[in-house]
């Protein structure tokens, strides 16, 4: 049950600061963004240089958020997503998070992207992600996409915090997604807001037990998004909670 650092935990820090900070907590894996956080990677830069930068702190990139595919310009945004997938492969990531602006866009483009990943022999696992307020917010959104795409290569993130925010439990998500889950995102929540781990409404010991019972052996990405920002000590406390209460490892 390996824990992965999300740059969301220290959203305002640039990459040069966030890598050593998260390494000091004990993380050995890092999920990369291309936007939203100050540590976002530049797709025009050299992925080998980023990879070496992470390695200097004992970290490696494990998962990678792709730029969004949009209905307004499918061709151009699909090319961008595939170029970003090559970047992710060169970065050393094993999982790419495929994003689209609407359920119909996912349905129209997902198999095409999966085919391109195979054609170019990128060796990546492609996942889609539930996120409150996005094209995939609910179990029904996931079901509509998976039922339409019908491709076993397409996997999912069990996004615990955003299921909670959208009014669903992680159990509902896990019961439907089952063996489609290739990555888990963690965040404790209370009244729709991110709170320190162990103080919210998410039953993490039960979650980890349920995942073990289903044979899940993948990564768990640690997220923390307190309104006032987080410190390294806040992140360390989250990790200590997950290790001591859930048997997670770094």
C-alpha atoms as a PDB file:
ATOM      1  CA  UNK A   1       0.000   0.000   0.000  1.00  0.00           C
ATOM      2  CA  UNK A   2       2.459   2.601  -1.257  1.00  0.00           C
ATOM      3  CA  UNK A   3       1.896   6.318  -0.601  1.00  0.00           C
ATOM      4  CA  UNK A   4       2.581   8.871  -3.348  1.00  0.00           C
ATOM      5  CA  UNK A   5       3.080  12.600  -2.823  1.00  0.00           C
ATOM      6  CA  UNK A   6       0.703  14.994  -4.548  1.00  0.00           C
ATOM      7  CA  UNK A   7       2.018  18.523  -5.174  1.00  0.00           C
ATOM      8  CA  UNK A   8      -1.476  19.685  -4.202  1.00  0.00           C
ATOM      9  CA  UNK A   9      -0.341  19.233  -0.588  1.00  0.00           C
ATOM     10  CA  UNK A  10       2.107  22.123  -1.006  1.00  0.00           C
ATOM     11  CA  UNK A  11       0.398  23.843  -3.898  1.00  0.00           C
ATOM     12  CA  UNK A  12       2.242  27.175  -3.799  1.00  0.00           C
ATOM     13  CA  UNK A  13       5.782  25.775  -3.755  1.00  0.00           C
ATOM     14  CA  UNK A  14       7.794  25.598  -6.996  1.00  0.00           C
ATOM     15  CA  UNK A  15       9.201  22.241  -8.036  1.00  0.00           C
ATOM     16  CA  UNK A  16      12.667  23.030  -6.709  1.00  0.00           C
ATOM     17  CA  UNK A  17      11.197  23.465  -3.233  1.00  0.00           C
ATOM     18  CA  UNK A  18       8.396  20.920  -3.242  1.00  0.00           C
ATOM     19  CA  UNK A  19      10.590  17.935  -4.158  1.00  0.00           C
ATOM     20  CA  UNK A  20      12.987  18.228  -1.182  1.00  0.00           C
ATOM     21  CA  UNK A  21      10.109  19.140   1.135  1.00  0.00           C
ATOM     22  CA  UNK A  22       8.117  16.024   0.267  1.00  0.00           C
ATOM     23  CA  UNK A  23      11.248  13.867   0.252  1.00  0.00           C
ATOM     24  CA  UNK A  24      11.918  15.028   3.829  1.00  0.00           C
ATOM     25  CA  UNK A  25       8.577  13.490   4.821  1.00  0.00           C
ATOM     26  CA  UNK A  26       9.753  10.159   3.423  1.00  0.00           C
ATOM     27  CA  UNK A  27       7.964  10.034   0.068  1.00  0.00           C
ATOM     28  CA  UNK A  28       9.663   8.175  -2.774  1.00  0.00           C
ATOM     29  CA  UNK A  29       7.006   8.748  -5.451  1.00  0.00           C
ATOM     30  CA  UNK A  30       5.490  11.931  -6.861  1.00  0.00           C
ATOM     31  CA  UNK A  31       2.428  12.661  -9.016  1.00  0.00           C
ATOM     32  CA  UNK A  32       3.096  15.371 -11.602  1.00  0.00           C
ATOM     33  CA  UNK A  33       0.804  18.120 -12.886  1.00  0.00           C
ATOM     34  CA  UNK A  34       1.059  20.371 -15.940  1.00  0.00           C
ATOM     35  CA  UNK A  35      -1.084  23.110 -14.379  1.00  0.00           C
ATOM     36  CA  UNK A  36      -2.969  24.130 -11.210  1.00  0.00           C
ATOM     37  CA  UNK A  37       0.071  23.931  -8.877  1.00  0.00           C
ATOM     38  CA  UNK A  38       3.237  26.042  -8.755  1.00  0.00           C
ATOM     39  CA  UNK A  39       5.318  22.901  -9.274  1.00  0.00           C
ATOM     40  CA  UNK A  40       3.623  22.121 -12.612  1.00  0.00           C
ATOM     41  CA  UNK A  41       5.934  20.687 -15.245  1.00  0.00           C
ATOM     42  CA  UNK A  42       6.614  22.456 -18.543  1.00  0.00           C
ATOM     43  CA  UNK A  43       5.817  20.146 -21.445  1.00  0.00           C
ATOM     44  CA  UNK A  44       8.321  22.056 -23.555  1.00  0.00           C
ATOM     45  CA  UNK A  45      11.168  21.178 -21.208  1.00  0.00           C
ATOM     46  CA  UNK A  46      13.372  18.080 -21.148  1.00  0.00           C
ATOM     47  CA  UNK A  47      11.658  15.249 -19.221  1.00  0.00           C
ATOM     48  CA  UNK A  48      15.052  13.635 -18.582  1.00  0.00           C
ATOM     49  CA  UNK A  49      16.121  16.763 -16.690  1.00  0.00           C
ATOM     50  CA  UNK A  50      12.990  16.590 -14.529  1.00  0.00           C
ATOM     51  CA  UNK A  51      13.600  12.913 -13.923  1.00  0.00           C
ATOM     52  CA  UNK A  52      17.163  13.596 -12.816  1.00  0.00           C
ATOM     53  CA  UNK A  53      15.991  16.463 -10.586  1.00  0.00           C
ATOM     54  CA  UNK A  54      13.559  14.147  -8.799  1.00  0.00           C
ATOM     55  CA  UNK A  55      16.163  11.397  -8.460  1.00  0.00           C
ATOM     56  CA  UNK A  56      18.511  13.789  -6.671  1.00  0.00           C
ATOM     57  CA  UNK A  57      15.943  13.840  -3.872  1.00  0.00           C
ATOM     58  CA  UNK A  58      15.275  10.103  -3.949  1.00  0.00           C
ATOM     59  CA  UNK A  59      11.973  10.567  -5.784  1.00  0.00           C
ATOM     60  CA  UNK A  60      10.512   9.236  -9.004  1.00  0.00           C
ATOM     61  CA  UNK A  61       7.454  10.259 -10.988  1.00  0.00           C
ATOM     62  CA  UNK A  62       4.726   7.635 -10.790  1.00  0.00           C
ATOM     63  CA  UNK A  63       1.623   9.259 -12.311  1.00  0.00           C
ATOM     64  CA  UNK A  64       1.011  12.237 -14.577  1.00  0.00           C
ATOM     65  CA  UNK A  65      -1.961  14.522 -15.320  1.00  0.00           C
ATOM     66  CA  UNK A  66      -2.453  15.030 -19.064  1.00  0.00           C
ATOM     67  CA  UNK A  67      -3.817  18.237 -20.632  1.00  0.00           C
ATOM     68  CA  UNK A  68      -7.551  18.144 -21.284  1.00  0.00           C
ATOM     69  CA  UNK A  69      -9.068  16.994 -24.587  1.00  0.00           C
ATOM     70  CA  UNK A  70     -11.871  19.316 -25.685  1.00  0.00           C
ATOM     71  CA  UNK A  71     -14.832  18.901 -28.010  1.00  0.00           C
ATOM     72  CA  UNK A  72     -14.120  22.290 -29.593  1.00  0.00           C
ATOM     73  CA  UNK A  73     -10.760  21.110 -30.968  1.00  0.00           C
ATOM     74  CA  UNK A  74     -10.472  17.366 -30.642  1.00  0.00           C
ATOM     75  CA  UNK A  75      -7.655  16.943 -33.148  1.00  0.00           C
ATOM     76  CA  UNK A  76      -5.289  19.497 -31.643  1.00  0.00           C
ATOM     77  CA  UNK A  77      -6.001  18.587 -28.043  1.00  0.00           C
ATOM     78  CA  UNK A  78      -5.659  14.864 -28.777  1.00  0.00           C
ATOM     79  CA  UNK A  79      -2.231  15.563 -30.291  1.00  0.00           C
ATOM     80  CA  UNK A  80      -1.328  17.511 -27.159  1.00  0.00           C
ATOM     81  CA  UNK A  81      -2.507  14.693 -24.895  1.00  0.00           C
ATOM     82  CA  UNK A  82      -0.511  12.092 -26.823  1.00  0.00           C
ATOM     83  CA  UNK A  83       2.610  14.297 -26.793  1.00  0.00           C
ATOM     84  CA  UNK A  84       2.153  14.668 -23.035  1.00  0.00           C
ATOM     85  CA  UNK A  85       1.848  10.886 -22.710  1.00  0.00           C
ATOM     86  CA  UNK A  86       5.222  10.502 -24.446  1.00  0.00           C
ATOM     87  CA  UNK A  87       6.586  13.096 -22.040  1.00  0.00           C
ATOM     88  CA  UNK A  88       5.178  11.071 -19.123  1.00  0.00           C
ATOM     89  CA  UNK A  89       6.810   7.904 -20.443  1.00  0.00           C
ATOM     90  CA  UNK A  90      10.174   9.677 -20.687  1.00  0.00           C
ATOM     91  CA  UNK A  91       9.632  11.072 -17.206  1.00  0.00           C
ATOM     92  CA  UNK A  92       9.344   7.517 -15.902  1.00  0.00           C
ATOM     93  CA  UNK A  93       5.655   7.622 -14.999  1.00  0.00           C
ATOM     94  CA  UNK A  94       3.611   4.443 -15.344  1.00  0.00           C
ATOM     95  CA  UNK A  95       0.108   5.953 -15.160  1.00  0.00           C
ATOM     96  CA  UNK A  96      -1.386   8.849 -17.133  1.00  0.00           C
ATOM     97  CA  UNK A  97      -4.589  10.601 -16.108  1.00  0.00           C
ATOM     98  CA  UNK A  98      -6.669  11.199 -19.227  1.00  0.00           C
ATOM     99  CA  UNK A  99      -9.013  14.188 -19.097  1.00  0.00           C
ATOM    100  CA  UNK A 100     -11.805  15.496 -21.308  1.00  0.00           C
ATOM    101  CA  UNK A 101     -14.249  18.367 -21.051  1.00  0.00           C
ATOM    102  CA  UNK A 102     -17.463  16.324 -21.208  1.00  0.00           C
ATOM    103  CA  UNK A 103     -18.750  12.769 -20.943  1.00  0.00           C
ATOM    104  CA  UNK A 104     -19.386  12.661 -24.683  1.00  0.00           C
ATOM    105  CA  UNK A 105     -15.804  13.747 -25.329  1.00  0.00           C
ATOM    106  CA  UNK A 106     -14.517  10.906 -23.184  1.00  0.00           C
ATOM    107  CA  UNK A 107     -16.704   8.470 -25.112  1.00  0.00           C
ATOM    108  CA  UNK A 108     -15.611   9.834 -28.522  1.00  0.00           C
ATOM    109  CA  UNK A 109     -11.895   9.924 -27.798  1.00  0.00           C
ATOM    110  CA  UNK A 110     -10.885   7.452 -25.095  1.00  0.00           C
ATOM    111  CA  UNK A 111     -10.479   4.383 -27.318  1.00  0.00           C
ATOM    112  CA  UNK A 112      -8.621   6.428 -29.893  1.00  0.00           C
ATOM    113  CA  UNK A 113      -6.170   7.582 -27.212  1.00  0.00           C
ATOM    114  CA  UNK A 114      -5.745   4.026 -25.902  1.00  0.00           C
ATOM    115  CA  UNK A 115      -5.010   2.806 -29.429  1.00  0.00           C
ATOM    116  CA  UNK A 116      -2.394   5.530 -29.893  1.00  0.00           C
ATOM    117  CA  UNK A 117      -0.701   4.617 -26.598  1.00  0.00           C
ATOM    118  CA  UNK A 118      -0.477   1.008 -27.789  1.00  0.00           C
ATOM    119  CA  UNK A 119       0.587   1.939 -31.314  1.00  0.00           C
ATOM    120  CA  UNK A 120       3.482   4.026 -29.996  1.00  0.00           C
ATOM    121  CA  UNK A 121       4.346   1.348 -27.422  1.00  0.00           C
ATOM    122  CA  UNK A 122       4.337   3.793 -24.548  1.00  0.00           C
ATOM    123  CA  UNK A 123       3.656   1.106 -21.957  1.00  0.00           C
ATOM    124  CA  UNK A 124       1.347   3.335 -19.919  1.00  0.00           C
ATOM    125  CA  UNK A 125      -1.808   2.637 -17.940  1.00  0.00           C
ATOM    126  CA  UNK A 126      -4.529   5.158 -18.804  1.00  0.00           C
ATOM    127  CA  UNK A 127      -6.951   6.174 -16.062  1.00  0.00           C
ATOM    128  CA  UNK A 128      -9.850   8.593 -15.874  1.00  0.00           C
ATOM    129  CA  UNK A 129     -10.723  10.498 -12.720  1.00  0.00           C
ATOM    130  CA  UNK A 130     -13.828  11.510 -10.838  1.00  0.00           C
ATOM    131  CA  UNK A 131     -13.735  15.123  -9.664  1.00  0.00           C
ATOM    132  CA  UNK A 132     -16.592  17.130  -8.174  1.00  0.00           C
ATOM    133  CA  UNK A 133     -17.892  19.639 -10.690  1.00  0.00           C
ATOM    134  CA  UNK A 134     -16.229  17.953 -13.668  1.00  0.00           C
ATOM    135  CA  UNK A 135     -17.492  15.692 -16.455  1.00  0.00           C
ATOM    136  CA  UNK A 136     -17.038  12.724 -14.104  1.00  0.00           C
ATOM    137  CA  UNK A 137     -18.448  13.557 -10.683  1.00  0.00           C
ATOM    138  CA  UNK A 138     -20.584  10.527  -9.839  1.00  0.00           C
ATOM    139  CA  UNK A 139     -20.730   6.768 -10.138  1.00  0.00           C
ATOM    140  CA  UNK A 140     -23.327   7.268 -12.876  1.00  0.00           C
ATOM    141  CA  UNK A 141     -20.864   9.403 -14.852  1.00  0.00           C
ATOM    142  CA  UNK A 142     -18.261   6.668 -14.611  1.00  0.00           C
ATOM    143  CA  UNK A 143     -20.844   4.048 -15.604  1.00  0.00           C
ATOM    144  CA  UNK A 144     -21.982   6.007 -18.669  1.00  0.00           C
ATOM    145  CA  UNK A 145     -18.402   6.305 -19.938  1.00  0.00           C
ATOM    146  CA  UNK A 146     -17.297   2.750 -19.241  1.00  0.00           C
ATOM    147  CA  UNK A 147     -20.522   1.317 -20.702  1.00  0.00           C
ATOM    148  CA  UNK A 148     -20.028   3.338 -23.890  1.00  0.00           C
ATOM    149  CA  UNK A 149     -16.264   2.879 -24.329  1.00  0.00           C
ATOM    150  CA  UNK A 150     -16.262  -0.841 -23.480  1.00  0.00           C
ATOM    151  CA  UNK A 151     -12.500  -1.187 -23.420  1.00  0.00           C
ATOM    152  CA  UNK A 152     -10.732  -3.055 -20.621  1.00  0.00           C
ATOM    153  CA  UNK A 153      -7.602  -0.971 -21.153  1.00  0.00           C
ATOM    154  CA  UNK A 154      -9.343   2.070 -19.688  1.00  0.00           C
ATOM    155  CA  UNK A 155      -8.944   2.179 -15.905  1.00  0.00           C
ATOM    156  CA  UNK A 156     -10.095   4.526 -13.137  1.00  0.00           C
ATOM    157  CA  UNK A 157      -8.996   6.530 -10.143  1.00  0.00           C
ATOM    158  CA  UNK A 158     -10.931   5.980  -6.955  1.00  0.00           C
ATOM    159  CA  UNK A 159     -10.926   9.668  -5.945  1.00  0.00           C
ATOM    160  CA  UNK A 160     -12.055   9.413  -2.340  1.00  0.00           C
ATOM    161  CA  UNK A 161     -12.265  13.101  -1.455  1.00  0.00           C
ATOM    162  CA  UNK A 162     -14.123  14.129  -4.590  1.00  0.00           C
ATOM    163  CA  UNK A 163     -16.632  11.299  -4.299  1.00  0.00           C
ATOM    164  CA  UNK A 164     -17.329  12.555  -0.787  1.00  0.00           C
ATOM    165  CA  UNK A 165     -17.630  16.140  -1.995  1.00  0.00           C
ATOM    166  CA  UNK A 166     -20.096  15.077  -4.693  1.00  0.00           C
ATOM    167  CA  UNK A 167     -22.253  13.231  -2.156  1.00  0.00           C
ATOM    168  CA  UNK A 168     -21.019   9.677  -2.709  1.00  0.00           C
ATOM    169  CA  UNK A 169     -19.071   7.343  -0.459  1.00  0.00           C
ATOM    170  CA  UNK A 170     -15.852   5.635  -1.428  1.00  0.00           C
ATOM    171  CA  UNK A 171     -17.714   2.332  -0.933  1.00  0.00           C
ATOM    172  CA  UNK A 172     -20.162   3.231  -3.690  1.00  0.00           C
ATOM    173  CA  UNK A 173     -17.275   4.118  -5.974  1.00  0.00           C
ATOM    174  CA  UNK A 174     -15.291   0.993  -5.159  1.00  0.00           C
ATOM    175  CA  UNK A 175     -18.299  -1.313  -5.480  1.00  0.00           C
ATOM    176  CA  UNK A 176     -18.863  -0.106  -9.034  1.00  0.00           C
ATOM    177  CA  UNK A 177     -15.283   0.379 -10.210  1.00  0.00           C
ATOM    178  CA  UNK A 178     -13.993  -2.862  -8.646  1.00  0.00           C
ATOM    179  CA  UNK A 179     -10.996  -4.141 -10.638  1.00  0.00           C
ATOM    180  CA  UNK A 180     -10.982  -1.033 -12.847  1.00  0.00           C
ATOM    181  CA  UNK A 181      -9.259   0.868 -10.018  1.00  0.00           C
ATOM    182  CA  UNK A 182      -5.625   1.448 -10.983  1.00  0.00           C
ATOM    183  CA  UNK A 183      -4.929   4.403  -8.681  1.00  0.00           C
ATOM    184  CA  UNK A 184      -6.405   5.778  -5.466  1.00  0.00           C
ATOM    185  CA  UNK A 185      -6.451   9.448  -4.440  1.00  0.00           C
ATOM    186  CA  UNK A 186      -6.849  10.106  -0.721  1.00  0.00           C
ATOM    187  CA  UNK A 187      -8.199  13.156   1.083  1.00  0.00           C
ATOM    188  CA  UNK A 188     -10.064  13.435   4.376  1.00  0.00           C
ATOM    189  CA  UNK A 189     -13.201  15.536   4.142  1.00  0.00           C
ATOM    190  CA  UNK A 190     -15.692  17.193   6.471  1.00  0.00           C
ATOM    191  CA  UNK A 191     -18.655  19.301   5.389  1.00  0.00           C
ATOM    192  CA  UNK A 192     -17.290  19.345   1.848  1.00  0.00           C
ATOM    193  CA  UNK A 193     -13.834  20.621   2.806  1.00  0.00           C
ATOM    194  CA  UNK A 194     -10.386  19.050   3.076  1.00  0.00           C
ATOM    195  CA  UNK A 195      -9.378  18.561   6.717  1.00  0.00           C
ATOM    196  CA  UNK A 196      -6.399  16.941   8.493  1.00  0.00           C
ATOM    197  CA  UNK A 197      -6.390  13.171   8.194  1.00  0.00           C
ATOM    198  CA  UNK A 198      -8.251  11.436  10.997  1.00  0.00           C
ATOM    199  CA  UNK A 199     -10.441  14.472  11.784  1.00  0.00           C
ATOM    200  CA  UNK A 200     -12.925  14.128   8.949  1.00  0.00           C
ATOM    201  CA  UNK A 201     -15.689  11.812   7.802  1.00  0.00           C
ATOM    202  CA  UNK A 202     -13.691   9.341   5.685  1.00  0.00           C
ATOM    203  CA  UNK A 203     -13.077   5.955   7.315  1.00  0.00           C
ATOM    204  CA  UNK A 204      -9.562   5.302   6.046  1.00  0.00           C
ATOM    205  CA  UNK A 205      -8.874   2.044   7.951  1.00  0.00           C
ATOM    206  CA  UNK A 206     -12.030   0.560   6.428  1.00  0.00           C
ATOM    207  CA  UNK A 207     -11.037   1.873   2.988  1.00  0.00           C
ATOM    208  CA  UNK A 208      -7.599   0.262   3.137  1.00  0.00           C
ATOM    209  CA  UNK A 209      -9.096  -2.998   4.428  1.00  0.00           C
ATOM    210  CA  UNK A 210     -11.602  -3.022   1.557  1.00  0.00           C
ATOM    211  CA  UNK A 211      -8.885  -2.372  -1.009  1.00  0.00           C
ATOM    212  CA  UNK A 212      -6.731  -5.174   0.400  1.00  0.00           C
ATOM    213  CA  UNK A 213      -9.709  -7.533   0.347  1.00  0.00           C
ATOM    214  CA  UNK A 214     -10.115  -6.797  -3.371  1.00  0.00           C
ATOM    215  CA  UNK A 215      -6.430  -7.420  -4.022  1.00  0.00           C
ATOM    216  CA  UNK A 216      -5.550  -3.815  -4.822  1.00  0.00           C
ATOM    217  CA  UNK A 217      -1.779  -3.381  -4.619  1.00  0.00           C
ATOM    218  CA  UNK A 218      -1.353  -0.031  -6.369  1.00  0.00           C
ATOM    219  CA  UNK A 219      -0.469   3.450  -5.224  1.00  0.00           C
ATOM    220  CA  UNK A 220      -2.342   5.829  -2.937  1.00  0.00           C
ATOM    221  CA  UNK A 221      -1.824   9.514  -3.692  1.00  0.00           C
ATOM    222  CA  UNK A 222      -1.906  11.683  -0.564  1.00  0.00           C
ATOM    223  CA  UNK A 223      -3.787  14.954  -1.070  1.00  0.00           C
ATOM    224  CA  UNK A 224      -4.358  17.744   1.439  1.00  0.00           C
ATOM    225  CA  UNK A 225      -5.990  21.051   0.485  1.00  0.00           C
ATOM    226  CA  UNK A 226      -6.589  23.136   3.602  1.00  0.00           C
ATOM    227  CA  UNK A 227      -7.997  26.591   2.719  1.00  0.00           C
ATOM    228  CA  UNK A 228      -5.132  28.384   4.458  1.00  0.00           C
ATOM    229  CA  UNK A 229      -2.481  26.201   2.877  1.00  0.00           C
ATOM    230  CA  UNK A 230      -0.470  23.372   4.362  1.00  0.00           C
ATOM    231  CA  UNK A 231       2.927  23.054   5.976  1.00  0.00           C
ATOM    232  CA  UNK A 232       5.399  20.201   5.675  1.00  0.00           C
ATOM    233  CA  UNK A 233       4.396  19.222   9.214  1.00  0.00           C
ATOM    234  CA  UNK A 234       0.757  18.938   8.069  1.00  0.00           C
ATOM    235  CA  UNK A 235       1.813  16.554   5.313  1.00  0.00           C
ATOM    236  CA  UNK A 236       3.983  14.577   7.727  1.00  0.00           C
ATOM    237  CA  UNK A 237       1.039  14.218  10.104  1.00  0.00           C
ATOM    238  CA  UNK A 238      -1.112  12.881   7.249  1.00  0.00           C
ATOM    239  CA  UNK A 239       1.516  10.307   6.350  1.00  0.00           C
ATOM    240  CA  UNK A 240       1.988   9.258   9.971  1.00  0.00           C
ATOM    241  CA  UNK A 241      -1.753   8.770  10.326  1.00  0.00           C
ATOM    242  CA  UNK A 242      -2.007   6.608   7.205  1.00  0.00           C
ATOM    243  CA  UNK A 243       1.002   4.524   8.216  1.00  0.00           C
ATOM    244  CA  UNK A 244      -0.060   3.982  11.818  1.00  0.00           C
ATOM    245  CA  UNK A 245      -3.804   3.522  11.302  1.00  0.00           C
ATOM    246  CA  UNK A 246      -3.968   1.957   7.844  1.00  0.00           C
ATOM    247  CA  UNK A 247      -0.697   0.060   7.426  1.00  0.00           C
ATOM    248  CA  UNK A 248       0.360   2.218   4.458  1.00  0.00           C
ATOM    249  CA  UNK A 249       4.008   2.323   3.404  1.00  0.00           C
ATOM    250  CA  UNK A 250       6.252   4.843   1.687  1.00  0.00           C
END
